[in-house]
Protein backbone atom coordinates (compact mmCIF):
# COMPACT_ATOMS: atom_id res chain seq x y z
CA MET A 1 67.77 36.45 -21.38
CA GLU A 2 70.59 34.07 -20.53
CA ARG A 3 69.71 31.31 -18.10
CA LYS A 4 72.05 30.38 -15.27
CA PHE A 5 72.21 26.73 -14.20
CA ILE A 6 74.04 25.22 -11.25
CA ILE A 7 74.46 21.75 -9.72
CA GLY A 8 71.75 19.32 -10.74
CA LYS A 9 70.75 21.52 -13.68
CA LEU A 10 68.83 23.74 -11.27
CA GLU A 11 68.14 27.22 -12.54
CA VAL A 12 68.93 30.38 -10.62
CA ARG A 13 66.01 32.75 -11.12
CA LYS A 14 63.56 34.75 -9.07
CA LEU A 15 60.43 33.12 -7.74
CA ILE A 16 57.33 34.11 -9.67
CA LEU A 17 54.04 34.95 -7.98
CA SER A 18 52.57 31.46 -8.49
CA ASP A 19 55.72 29.89 -6.95
CA ILE A 20 55.29 32.06 -3.88
CA LEU A 21 51.59 31.18 -3.72
CA TYR A 22 52.27 27.41 -3.82
CA LEU A 23 54.97 27.67 -1.16
CA PHE A 24 52.65 29.79 0.98
CA LEU A 25 49.87 27.18 0.66
CA TYR A 26 52.30 24.43 1.66
CA VAL A 27 53.33 26.43 4.74
CA ILE A 28 49.64 26.94 5.59
CA ALA A 29 49.10 23.17 5.32
CA LEU A 30 52.10 22.61 7.60
CA LEU A 31 50.78 25.12 10.15
CA TYR A 32 47.35 23.49 10.02
CA TYR A 33 48.97 20.12 10.65
CA ILE A 34 50.81 21.56 13.67
CA TYR A 35 47.47 22.90 14.94
CA ILE A 36 45.93 19.41 14.53
CA LEU A 37 48.82 17.88 16.47
CA LYS A 38 48.27 20.26 19.36
CA TYR A 39 44.48 20.45 19.55
CA LYS A 40 42.97 17.50 17.66
CA SER A 41 45.49 14.67 17.77
CA ALA A 42 42.81 12.13 16.80
CA ASP A 43 42.79 13.69 13.30
CA LYS A 44 46.58 13.46 12.92
CA PHE A 45 46.68 10.55 10.47
CA VAL A 46 43.82 11.76 8.26
CA THR A 47 45.28 15.26 8.02
CA SER A 48 48.76 13.95 7.33
CA PHE A 49 47.41 11.57 4.70
CA LEU A 50 45.37 14.25 2.91
CA ILE A 51 48.22 16.76 2.79
CA SER A 52 50.69 14.10 1.64
CA TRP A 53 48.29 12.69 -0.95
CA ILE A 54 47.44 16.05 -2.51
CA ILE A 55 51.08 17.13 -2.73
CA SER A 56 52.31 13.79 -4.06
CA ILE A 57 49.62 13.34 -6.70
CA THR A 58 50.12 16.91 -7.88
CA THR A 59 53.87 16.31 -8.19
CA ILE A 60 53.61 13.05 -10.15
CA SER A 61 50.58 13.74 -12.35
CA SER A 62 51.03 17.32 -13.52
CA PRO A 63 53.64 19.79 -14.77
CA PHE A 64 53.86 21.17 -11.21
CA GLY A 65 57.33 19.64 -10.86
CA LEU A 66 58.69 22.11 -13.41
CA ARG A 67 58.85 24.54 -10.51
CA PHE A 68 61.44 22.30 -8.83
CA ARG A 69 64.10 23.26 -11.37
CA ASN A 70 64.24 26.68 -9.68
CA ILE A 71 66.93 26.38 -6.99
CA TYR A 72 65.12 28.69 -4.57
CA PHE A 73 61.78 26.90 -4.96
CA SER A 74 63.48 23.50 -4.52
CA ILE A 75 65.32 24.51 -1.35
CA ILE A 76 62.23 26.01 0.27
CA TRP A 77 60.09 23.01 -0.80
CA LEU A 78 62.67 20.62 0.62
CA LEU A 79 62.76 22.45 3.96
CA ILE A 80 58.96 22.51 4.28
CA SER A 81 58.79 18.80 3.36
CA ILE A 82 61.38 17.94 5.99
CA ALA A 83 59.50 20.00 8.60
CA PHE A 84 56.26 18.20 7.66
CA PHE A 85 57.91 14.79 8.05
CA ILE A 86 59.43 15.42 11.49
CA ASN A 87 57.34 13.79 14.26
CA ASN A 88 54.75 12.61 11.78
CA SER A 89 53.51 9.27 10.47
CA PHE A 90 55.41 7.45 7.73
CA ILE A 91 52.88 8.58 5.12
CA SER A 92 54.16 12.15 5.55
CA ILE A 93 57.38 11.22 3.78
CA LEU A 94 55.46 11.18 0.48
CA PRO A 95 56.07 14.85 -0.42
CA LEU A 96 59.78 14.33 0.23
CA LEU A 97 59.97 11.09 -1.76
CA THR A 98 58.05 12.44 -4.75
CA PHE A 99 60.23 15.56 -4.69
CA PHE A 100 63.38 13.42 -4.93
CA GLN A 101 61.72 11.11 -7.45
CA TYR A 102 60.87 14.03 -9.73
CA HIS A 103 64.43 15.36 -9.53
CA LEU A 104 65.89 11.93 -10.28
CA ILE A 105 63.69 11.49 -13.35
CA ARG A 106 64.39 15.01 -14.64
CA LEU A 107 68.16 14.50 -14.22
CA ILE A 108 68.03 11.19 -16.10
CA PHE A 109 65.93 12.88 -18.78
CA TRP A 110 68.40 15.79 -18.98
CA LYS A 111 71.38 13.44 -19.27
CA LYS A 112 69.79 11.44 -22.09
CA ASN A 113 68.07 14.28 -23.98
CA LYS A 114 70.11 17.42 -23.12
CA ARG A 115 66.96 19.38 -22.31
CA GLU A 116 64.45 19.91 -19.53
CA PHE A 117 61.72 17.36 -18.90
CA ILE A 118 58.23 18.76 -19.51
CA PRO A 119 55.69 16.39 -17.95
CA TYR A 120 52.25 15.90 -19.40
CA GLU A 121 49.11 16.66 -17.42
CA THR A 122 47.40 13.37 -16.53
CA GLY A 123 43.80 12.83 -15.59
CA ARG A 124 40.62 10.98 -16.49
CA GLY A 125 42.57 8.30 -18.33
CA ASN A 126 44.24 10.79 -20.69
CA MET A 127 47.52 12.65 -20.96
CA TYR A 128 47.58 16.26 -22.15
CA ARG A 129 50.56 18.09 -23.61
CA TYR A 130 51.85 21.04 -21.65
CA LYS A 131 53.71 24.07 -22.97
CA SER A 132 56.45 25.38 -20.72
CA ASN A 133 56.86 29.13 -21.14
CA PHE A 134 60.35 28.96 -19.65
CA GLU A 135 61.46 26.20 -22.02
CA LYS A 136 59.44 27.67 -24.90
CA ARG A 137 58.28 24.26 -26.06
CA TYR A 138 55.59 21.64 -25.63
CA GLY A 139 56.23 18.21 -24.19
CA ASP A 140 56.85 15.61 -26.91
CA LEU A 141 56.62 11.81 -27.04
CA THR A 142 59.84 11.42 -25.05
CA ASP A 143 58.40 13.66 -22.33
CA LYS A 144 55.22 11.56 -22.44
CA LYS A 145 57.25 8.36 -21.91
CA TYR A 146 59.01 9.87 -18.89
CA THR A 147 55.69 11.17 -17.56
CA LYS A 148 54.43 7.58 -17.56
CA ILE A 149 57.56 6.48 -15.70
CA LEU A 150 57.05 9.32 -13.19
CA LEU A 151 53.39 8.41 -12.69
CA VAL A 152 53.86 4.64 -12.33
CA SER A 153 56.88 4.92 -10.01
CA GLY A 154 55.06 7.61 -8.01
CA ILE A 155 52.02 5.37 -7.58
CA LEU A 156 54.33 2.59 -6.39
CA ILE A 157 55.91 4.97 -3.85
CA VAL A 158 52.47 6.03 -2.59
CA GLY A 159 51.36 2.39 -2.34
CA PHE A 160 54.52 1.39 -0.48
CA CYS A 161 54.08 4.22 2.04
CA LEU A 162 50.43 3.29 2.59
CA ILE A 163 51.32 -0.37 3.19
CA VAL A 164 54.15 0.49 5.60
CA ASP A 165 52.01 2.99 7.50
CA SER A 166 49.03 0.62 7.76
CA LYS A 167 51.21 -2.04 9.41
CA LYS A 168 52.08 0.27 12.30
């Protein structure tokens, strides 16, 4: 099967079931946040923080970002992230920032290595190799290095947003 890439090395392909499920869950989180705004405004910050935290940590510490190379997934994710950020606290920009951060790192990786970035799974002080079925390969030491860059810069972004939001 020949793969079709467009601007930003994004791939044109159908969404798979798990892509649809993740997008659906993000929409549910957005709808829940809208409900909180309308009926329980006292919980606005906590809800916004939890949604932003879960999405951001998933993006920077796992191979979840591989889904972003699909043009359709990226566009829908971007639109949901923008909708989540509108009329929200500063912390809600985290999903948007980590989305752009992931794309920036994967484009730098692509330019230097002429292949897709396959991030490692991180957790409990360890990093675990991940096999991408689309790329038909495991992440290697170069992928591990870029995963560390993704994780450290992502933690800095999260910290910055927390500091800015706490000063309001």
